[in-house]
């Protein structure tokens, strides 16, 4: 039975990846901080999952965890992954999102250099994009502390691969969303806001830059690409993206139309929610992943928007099929395994497809995979 260690296990990507690996017969262990108060609602529905305490800011704890769990594969999905917050917490972002990667790689080199390592890189590293679309050879120009920290993690992964022969690779993931996305990200802010307005719980939705464009995919599709990277004969870095770009305005229009409302009656553009520095047009060229990994996204943009709105409607409307533990400001609390889904999927009724059957309250798109 193959063994995998996932950092960031309680986040969107960690929960989907754990689900994916468990379905393939993996023994899965998730790393969580001892002092963590993170809600476990995204992974409560998973059976056979183990949790172990460790901290990306503490090398000794990472060495101990690797020595105890002896994983064949390590997936580093942990990060301070909200771009807006990285402006308020640049030091913490750099320590966890950047130096945390180095500590984990050093722990692997110390305990067992044969461990295969996946690093969650981000399209935010491209920032002020030099070419459109962006591919593995596009120069990086990050425009936020988050993007800079991710770039350090990306290059130190390359360095350890080339210097120590570790099977270490990075997935340069473009924005990927789901009903499990955090409420601080603009896509969830929109789906949550639309649901509240439809249910009579709110009157307006305040957003920032409606013209910001992103390449948005479904997180459940993207975790398959992570796994595929570690099954290859040689480690390489891959861009993972849909190749399509949409504006925040398009997301808003689809979300409101899905519930029969006109977005112009409810959306307020608030200049205070604009980012200090916005990235340019980010759209990924995932041709290498399609060619070498055989990977393709399955969930299209309109389906993704509808999936997220439906999940928030069920959550806020009192549906209790899958349960969802809400934050203190999110309305009624439901006990249960995963947000908004049916049969414990957390996806508003859509089970993640498998190959054998991804400033708080800000209006700009949140970056990063987590």
Protein backbone atom coordinates (compact mmCIF):
# COMPACT_ATOMS: atom_id res chain seq x y z
CA UNK A 1 0.00 0.00 0.00
CA UNK A 2 1.58 3.33 -1.06
CA UNK A 3 1.88 5.98 1.65
CA UNK A 4 1.34 9.71 1.20
CA UNK A 5 1.80 12.71 3.49
CA UNK A 6 -0.23 15.83 2.73
CA UNK A 7 0.44 19.23 4.25
CA UNK A 8 -2.50 21.62 4.16
CA UNK A 9 -4.82 18.64 4.64
CA UNK A 10 -7.69 20.75 6.04
CA UNK A 11 -7.80 23.08 3.04
CA UNK A 12 -9.67 22.83 -0.23
CA UNK A 13 -6.93 21.06 -2.18
CA UNK A 14 -5.83 18.89 0.73
CA UNK A 15 -9.32 17.49 1.19
CA UNK A 16 -9.79 16.71 -2.50
CA UNK A 17 -6.33 15.14 -2.77
CA UNK A 18 -6.87 12.99 0.32
CA UNK A 19 -10.19 11.83 -1.14
CA UNK A 20 -8.49 11.06 -4.45
CA UNK A 21 -5.59 9.09 -2.93
CA UNK A 22 -7.75 7.12 -0.50
CA UNK A 23 -9.87 5.99 -3.45
CA UNK A 24 -6.68 4.60 -4.99
CA UNK A 25 -5.73 2.55 -1.98
CA UNK A 26 -3.20 4.94 -0.44
CA UNK A 27 -2.45 5.16 3.25
CA UNK A 28 -2.90 8.91 3.74
CA UNK A 29 -1.56 11.03 6.60
CA UNK A 30 -2.31 14.72 6.96
CA UNK A 31 -0.02 17.21 8.67
CA UNK A 32 -1.62 19.75 10.96
CA UNK A 33 -0.20 22.24 13.44
CA UNK A 34 -0.54 21.50 17.15
CA UNK A 35 -2.01 24.93 17.81
CA UNK A 36 -4.26 24.80 14.76
CA UNK A 37 -7.87 25.83 15.30
CA UNK A 38 -8.74 25.05 11.70
CA UNK A 39 -12.09 23.48 11.14
CA UNK A 40 -11.96 19.87 9.98
CA UNK A 41 -15.27 20.06 8.12
CA UNK A 42 -13.64 19.42 4.74
CA UNK A 43 -12.18 16.06 5.80
CA UNK A 44 -14.63 14.74 8.39
CA UNK A 45 -16.32 12.55 5.80
CA UNK A 46 -13.08 10.70 4.99
CA UNK A 47 -12.45 7.31 6.56
CA UNK A 48 -8.97 5.85 6.84
CA UNK A 49 -7.29 9.25 7.09
CA UNK A 50 -4.69 9.82 9.83
CA UNK A 51 -3.58 13.19 11.20
CA UNK A 52 -0.19 13.97 12.68
CA UNK A 53 1.10 17.13 14.34
CA UNK A 54 3.87 19.10 12.70
CA UNK A 55 4.79 22.63 11.69
CA UNK A 56 6.36 24.00 8.50
CA UNK A 57 8.18 26.58 10.62
CA UNK A 58 9.87 23.82 12.67
CA UNK A 59 12.39 21.62 10.84
CA UNK A 60 12.74 19.18 13.74
CA UNK A 61 9.01 18.45 13.73
CA UNK A 62 9.09 17.76 9.99
CA UNK A 63 12.01 15.35 10.37
CA UNK A 64 10.12 13.55 13.13
CA UNK A 65 6.92 13.28 11.06
CA UNK A 66 8.74 11.89 8.03
CA UNK A 67 10.63 9.42 10.19
CA UNK A 68 7.40 8.22 11.83
CA UNK A 69 5.19 8.02 8.74
CA UNK A 70 7.78 6.94 6.12
CA UNK A 71 5.80 8.27 3.14
CA UNK A 72 6.51 7.38 -0.47
CA UNK A 73 5.06 10.70 -1.62
CA UNK A 74 4.81 14.12 0.02
CA UNK A 75 2.38 16.74 -1.27
CA UNK A 76 3.07 20.23 0.07
CA UNK A 77 -0.20 22.13 -0.16
CA UNK A 78 0.20 24.18 3.02
CA UNK A 79 0.55 27.93 2.63
CA UNK A 80 -0.84 31.27 3.65
CA UNK A 81 -2.69 31.09 0.37
CA UNK A 82 -4.75 34.26 0.18
CA UNK A 83 -3.04 36.97 -1.86
CA UNK A 84 -4.79 39.84 -0.09
CA UNK A 85 -3.65 38.74 3.36
CA UNK A 86 -0.04 38.51 2.20
CA UNK A 87 0.09 42.32 2.09
CA UNK A 88 -0.89 42.49 5.76
CA UNK A 89 1.29 39.53 6.81
CA UNK A 90 4.33 39.50 4.51
CA UNK A 91 6.71 37.97 7.08
CA UNK A 92 4.41 35.13 8.07
CA UNK A 93 3.60 34.50 4.41
CA UNK A 94 7.29 34.28 3.54
CA UNK A 95 8.09 32.00 6.48
CA UNK A 96 5.34 29.47 5.75
CA UNK A 97 4.80 29.72 2.01
CA UNK A 98 8.46 30.20 1.12
CA UNK A 99 10.83 28.90 3.79
CA UNK A 100 8.40 26.14 4.74
CA UNK A 101 9.15 24.49 1.40
CA UNK A 102 12.88 24.58 2.11
CA UNK A 103 12.41 23.02 5.54
CA UNK A 104 10.30 20.24 4.10
CA UNK A 105 12.81 19.51 1.35
CA UNK A 106 15.65 19.50 3.86
CA UNK A 107 13.69 17.07 6.03
CA UNK A 108 13.21 14.79 3.03
CA UNK A 109 16.92 14.97 2.20
CA UNK A 110 17.74 14.07 5.80
CA UNK A 111 15.25 11.23 6.34
CA UNK A 112 14.84 9.62 2.92
CA UNK A 113 15.90 11.31 -0.35
CA UNK A 114 13.91 8.71 -2.30
CA UNK A 115 10.62 10.31 -1.22
CA UNK A 116 8.82 11.90 -4.16
CA UNK A 117 7.87 15.52 -3.50
CA UNK A 118 5.14 17.70 -4.99
CA UNK A 119 5.21 21.47 -4.47
CA UNK A 120 2.08 23.52 -5.07
CA UNK A 121 3.33 26.49 -7.07
CA UNK A 122 1.02 29.23 -8.28
CA UNK A 123 0.17 31.28 -11.35
CA UNK A 124 0.64 34.33 -9.11
CA UNK A 125 4.37 33.84 -9.70
CA UNK A 126 3.82 35.13 -13.26
CA UNK A 127 2.23 38.34 -11.92
CA UNK A 128 3.11 40.99 -14.47
CA UNK A 129 2.91 38.43 -17.23
CA UNK A 130 5.55 38.68 -19.95
CA UNK A 131 3.65 36.46 -22.41
CA UNK A 132 0.05 35.33 -22.87
CA UNK A 133 -0.74 32.51 -22.30
CA UNK A 134 1.77 31.51 -19.63
CA UNK A 135 3.67 28.23 -19.89
CA UNK A 136 6.54 26.54 -18.05
CA UNK A 137 9.12 28.76 -19.77
CA UNK A 138 7.38 32.10 -19.19
CA UNK A 139 9.49 34.51 -17.06
CA UNK A 140 8.20 35.14 -13.54
CA UNK A 141 7.29 38.62 -12.26
CA UNK A 142 5.34 38.25 -8.98
CA UNK A 143 3.24 41.21 -7.83
CA UNK A 144 2.51 40.31 -4.22
CA UNK A 145 4.33 38.95 -1.15
CA UNK A 146 2.41 35.72 -1.74
CA UNK A 147 3.70 35.46 -5.30
CA UNK A 148 7.27 36.18 -4.19
CA UNK A 149 7.09 33.53 -1.45
CA UNK A 150 5.66 30.99 -3.90
CA UNK A 151 8.48 31.77 -6.32
CA UNK A 152 11.08 31.02 -3.65
CA UNK A 153 9.36 27.69 -2.95
CA UNK A 154 9.29 26.93 -6.65
CA UNK A 155 12.97 27.62 -7.26
CA UNK A 156 14.20 25.87 -4.11
CA UNK A 157 12.29 22.80 -5.34
CA UNK A 158 14.16 23.02 -8.65
CA UNK A 159 17.42 23.49 -6.74
CA UNK A 160 16.97 20.40 -4.58
CA UNK A 161 15.98 18.37 -7.63
CA UNK A 162 19.09 19.38 -9.52
CA UNK A 163 21.52 19.42 -6.59
CA UNK A 164 20.48 16.31 -4.65
CA UNK A 165 18.65 14.22 -7.25
CA UNK A 166 15.39 14.30 -5.28
CA UNK A 167 12.26 13.53 -7.29
CA UNK A 168 10.81 16.98 -6.68
CA UNK A 169 8.42 18.78 -8.99
CA UNK A 170 6.08 21.75 -8.95
CA UNK A 171 2.61 22.15 -10.34
CA UNK A 172 2.12 25.75 -11.42
CA UNK A 173 -1.58 25.80 -10.68
CA UNK A 174 -3.85 28.50 -11.98
CA UNK A 175 -6.89 29.47 -9.92
CA UNK A 176 -9.01 26.48 -8.99
CA UNK A 177 -12.24 26.72 -7.07
CA UNK A 178 -14.95 24.54 -5.52
CA UNK A 179 -17.64 24.59 -2.85
CA UNK A 180 -14.79 23.91 -0.41
CA UNK A 181 -13.03 27.18 -1.27
CA UNK A 182 -12.54 29.55 1.66
CA UNK A 183 -15.03 32.39 2.02
CA UNK A 184 -12.21 34.95 1.73
CA UNK A 185 -11.71 34.11 -1.95
CA UNK A 186 -13.71 36.11 -4.46
CA UNK A 187 -15.38 33.11 -6.08
CA UNK A 188 -16.76 31.85 -2.76
CA UNK A 189 -17.58 35.38 -1.71
CA UNK A 190 -19.72 35.63 -4.83
CA UNK A 191 -21.43 32.24 -4.53
CA UNK A 192 -22.07 32.82 -0.82
CA UNK A 193 -23.36 36.35 -1.47
CA UNK A 194 -25.67 35.23 -4.26
CA UNK A 195 -27.11 32.49 -2.05
CA UNK A 196 -27.68 34.95 0.81
CA UNK A 197 -29.42 37.44 -1.46
CA UNK A 198 -31.59 34.74 -3.03
CA UNK A 199 -32.60 33.46 0.41
CA UNK A 200 -33.35 36.97 1.71
CA UNK A 201 -30.39 36.99 4.11
CA UNK A 202 -28.63 39.93 2.41
CA UNK A 203 -29.41 42.75 -0.01
CA UNK A 204 -26.12 43.54 -1.67
CA UNK A 205 -22.72 42.08 -2.55
CA UNK A 206 -19.70 44.39 -2.33
CA UNK A 207 -16.82 43.59 -4.69
CA UNK A 208 -13.67 45.22 -5.99
CA UNK A 209 -12.29 45.02 -9.52
CA UNK A 210 -14.90 43.33 -11.71
CA UNK A 211 -12.63 43.39 -14.75
CA UNK A 212 -9.84 41.29 -13.20
CA UNK A 213 -9.41 38.15 -15.30
CA UNK A 214 -8.42 34.66 -14.21
CA UNK A 215 -8.14 31.15 -15.56
CA UNK A 216 -10.54 29.33 -13.19
CA UNK A 217 -10.84 25.55 -12.95
CA UNK A 218 -12.29 22.97 -10.57
CA UNK A 219 -10.05 21.93 -7.67
CA UNK A 220 -11.20 18.31 -7.92
CA UNK A 221 -9.73 18.12 -11.43
CA UNK A 222 -6.44 19.72 -10.41
CA UNK A 223 -5.50 17.29 -7.63
CA UNK A 224 -5.44 14.49 -10.19
CA UNK A 225 -2.69 16.38 -12.00
CA UNK A 226 -0.67 16.57 -8.77
CA UNK A 227 -0.79 12.80 -8.43
CA UNK A 228 0.05 12.21 -12.09
CA UNK A 229 3.21 14.32 -11.77
CA UNK A 230 4.61 11.99 -9.13
CA UNK A 231 3.91 8.90 -11.25
CA UNK A 232 6.19 9.97 -14.10
CA UNK A 233 9.64 8.46 -14.77
CA UNK A 234 11.35 11.86 -14.42
CA UNK A 235 10.41 14.90 -12.31
CA UNK A 236 9.27 17.98 -14.23
CA UNK A 237 7.28 21.12 -13.54
CA UNK A 238 3.88 21.53 -15.18
CA UNK A 239 1.39 24.34 -15.71
CA UNK A 240 -2.10 23.17 -14.73
CA UNK A 241 -4.87 25.33 -16.15
CA UNK A 242 -8.00 25.34 -18.30
CA UNK A 243 -6.58 27.66 -20.94
CA UNK A 244 -9.68 29.87 -20.70
CA UNK A 245 -9.94 33.24 -19.00
CA UNK A 246 -12.97 34.91 -17.46
CA UNK A 247 -13.59 38.17 -15.62
CA UNK A 248 -14.99 38.53 -12.13
CA UNK A 249 -17.96 40.18 -13.85
CA UNK A 250 -18.62 36.99 -15.86
CA UNK A 251 -18.56 34.92 -12.68
CA UNK A 252 -21.00 37.35 -11.07
CA UNK A 253 -23.35 37.35 -14.07
CA UNK A 254 -23.49 33.54 -14.23
CA UNK A 255 -23.96 33.19 -10.48
CA UNK A 256 -26.88 35.62 -10.27
CA UNK A 257 -28.45 34.30 -13.47
CA UNK A 258 -28.36 30.79 -12.00
CA UNK A 259 -30.83 31.90 -9.32
CA UNK A 260 -32.90 34.12 -11.62
CA UNK A 261 -31.57 37.50 -10.42
CA UNK A 262 -30.03 40.49 -12.21
CA UNK A 263 -26.59 41.11 -10.71
CA UNK A 264 -26.81 44.86 -11.42
CA UNK A 265 -29.55 45.15 -8.80
CA UNK A 266 -27.33 43.81 -6.03
CA UNK A 267 -23.59 44.32 -6.72
CA UNK A 268 -21.77 47.37 -5.34
CA UNK A 269 -18.23 48.07 -6.57
CA UNK A 270 -16.10 49.24 -3.65
CA UNK A 271 -12.72 50.82 -4.58
CA UNK A 272 -11.44 49.97 -1.09
CA UNK A 273 -11.47 46.31 -2.11
CA UNK A 274 -9.05 46.76 -5.02
CA UNK A 275 -5.58 45.23 -4.59
CA UNK A 276 -2.52 47.49 -4.13
CA UNK A 277 -1.04 45.90 -7.27
CA UNK A 278 -3.12 43.78 -9.62
CA UNK A 279 -1.59 41.09 -11.79
CA UNK A 280 -1.96 41.15 -15.55
CA UNK A 281 -3.95 38.71 -17.64
CA UNK A 282 -3.24 35.22 -16.34
CA UNK A 283 -4.23 32.32 -18.58
CA UNK A 284 -2.34 29.05 -18.60
CA UNK A 285 -0.99 26.92 -21.41
CA UNK A 286 -1.25 23.37 -20.06
CA UNK A 287 -0.22 21.68 -23.31
CA UNK A 288 2.73 19.90 -21.63
CA UNK A 289 0.41 18.42 -19.00
CA UNK A 290 -2.05 17.31 -21.68
CA UNK A 291 0.71 15.78 -23.78
CA UNK A 292 2.84 14.11 -21.09
CA UNK A 293 0.39 13.48 -18.24
CA UNK A 294 -2.73 12.88 -20.29
CA UNK A 295 -4.48 15.39 -18.03
CA UNK A 296 -7.45 17.53 -19.02
CA UNK A 297 -9.96 19.53 -16.98
CA UNK A 298 -13.44 18.03 -16.91
CA UNK A 299 -15.61 20.67 -15.20
CA UNK A 300 -16.24 23.75 -17.35
CA UNK A 301 -16.68 27.31 -16.09
CA UNK A 302 -20.52 27.56 -16.09
CA UNK A 303 -20.79 24.18 -14.34
CA UNK A 304 -18.27 25.29 -11.71
CA UNK A 305 -20.20 28.49 -10.97
CA UNK A 306 -23.50 26.62 -10.70
CA UNK A 307 -21.94 23.95 -8.48
CA UNK A 308 -20.68 26.57 -6.02
CA UNK A 309 -23.93 28.54 -5.90
CA UNK A 310 -26.00 25.37 -5.40
CA UNK A 311 -23.75 24.25 -2.54
CA UNK A 312 -24.10 27.61 -0.76
CA UNK A 313 -27.86 27.64 -1.29
CA UNK A 314 -28.10 24.24 0.35
CA UNK A 315 -25.76 25.22 3.17
CA UNK A 316 -27.50 28.49 4.01
CA UNK A 317 -30.96 27.17 3.31
CA UNK A 318 -30.70 24.63 6.11
CA UNK A 319 -29.91 21.52 4.08
CA UNK A 320 -28.26 18.90 6.25
CA UNK A 321 -27.43 16.12 3.85
CA UNK A 322 -23.68 16.54 4.00
CA UNK A 323 -23.36 19.03 6.83
CA UNK A 324 -21.10 22.05 6.99
CA UNK A 325 -19.46 23.58 10.02
CA UNK A 326 -19.68 27.32 9.48
CA UNK A 327 -17.60 30.08 10.88
CA UNK A 328 -19.00 32.37 13.58
CA UNK A 329 -20.29 34.86 11.04
CA UNK A 330 -21.66 32.39 8.52
CA UNK A 331 -25.11 31.73 9.89
CA UNK A 332 -26.50 28.49 11.33
CA UNK A 333 -24.01 25.75 12.09
CA UNK A 334 -24.46 22.21 10.85
CA UNK A 335 -22.46 19.26 12.08
CA UNK A 336 -21.18 16.89 9.46
CA UNK A 337 -18.47 15.95 7.06
CA UNK A 338 -18.11 18.22 4.05
CA UNK A 339 -19.55 21.48 2.72
CA UNK A 340 -22.66 21.60 0.68
CA UNK A 341 -22.46 18.20 -1.01
CA UNK A 342 -24.47 15.02 -1.23
CA UNK A 343 -23.20 11.63 -0.18
CA UNK A 344 -20.41 13.40 1.68
CA UNK A 345 -18.76 14.78 -1.46
CA UNK A 346 -18.94 18.43 -0.41
CA UNK A 347 -19.55 19.50 -3.99
CA UNK A 348 -23.23 20.34 -4.16
CA UNK A 349 -24.03 16.85 -5.33
CA UNK A 350 -21.14 16.41 -7.79
CA UNK A 351 -18.60 13.78 -6.82
CA UNK A 352 -15.05 14.55 -7.83
CA UNK A 353 -14.41 12.86 -11.19
CA UNK A 354 -11.68 10.21 -11.26
CA UNK A 355 -9.75 8.94 -14.21
CA UNK A 356 -10.97 5.37 -13.57
CA UNK A 357 -14.78 5.95 -13.33
CA UNK A 358 -7.67 21.67 -7.13
CA UNK A 359 -7.50 41.45 1.37
CA UNK A 360 -10.07 39.21 3.20
CA UNK A 361 -13.46 40.09 1.86
CA UNK A 362 -11.57 41.55 -1.10
CA UNK A 363 -13.01 41.73 -4.58
CA UNK A 364 -10.00 40.68 -6.61
CA UNK A 365 -9.40 37.02 -7.33
CA UNK A 366 -7.57 35.19 -4.61
CA UNK A 367 -4.41 33.51 -5.81
CA UNK A 368 -2.77 30.25 -4.97
CA UNK A 369 -3.89 26.60 -4.70
CA UNK A 370 -5.04 26.40 -1.20
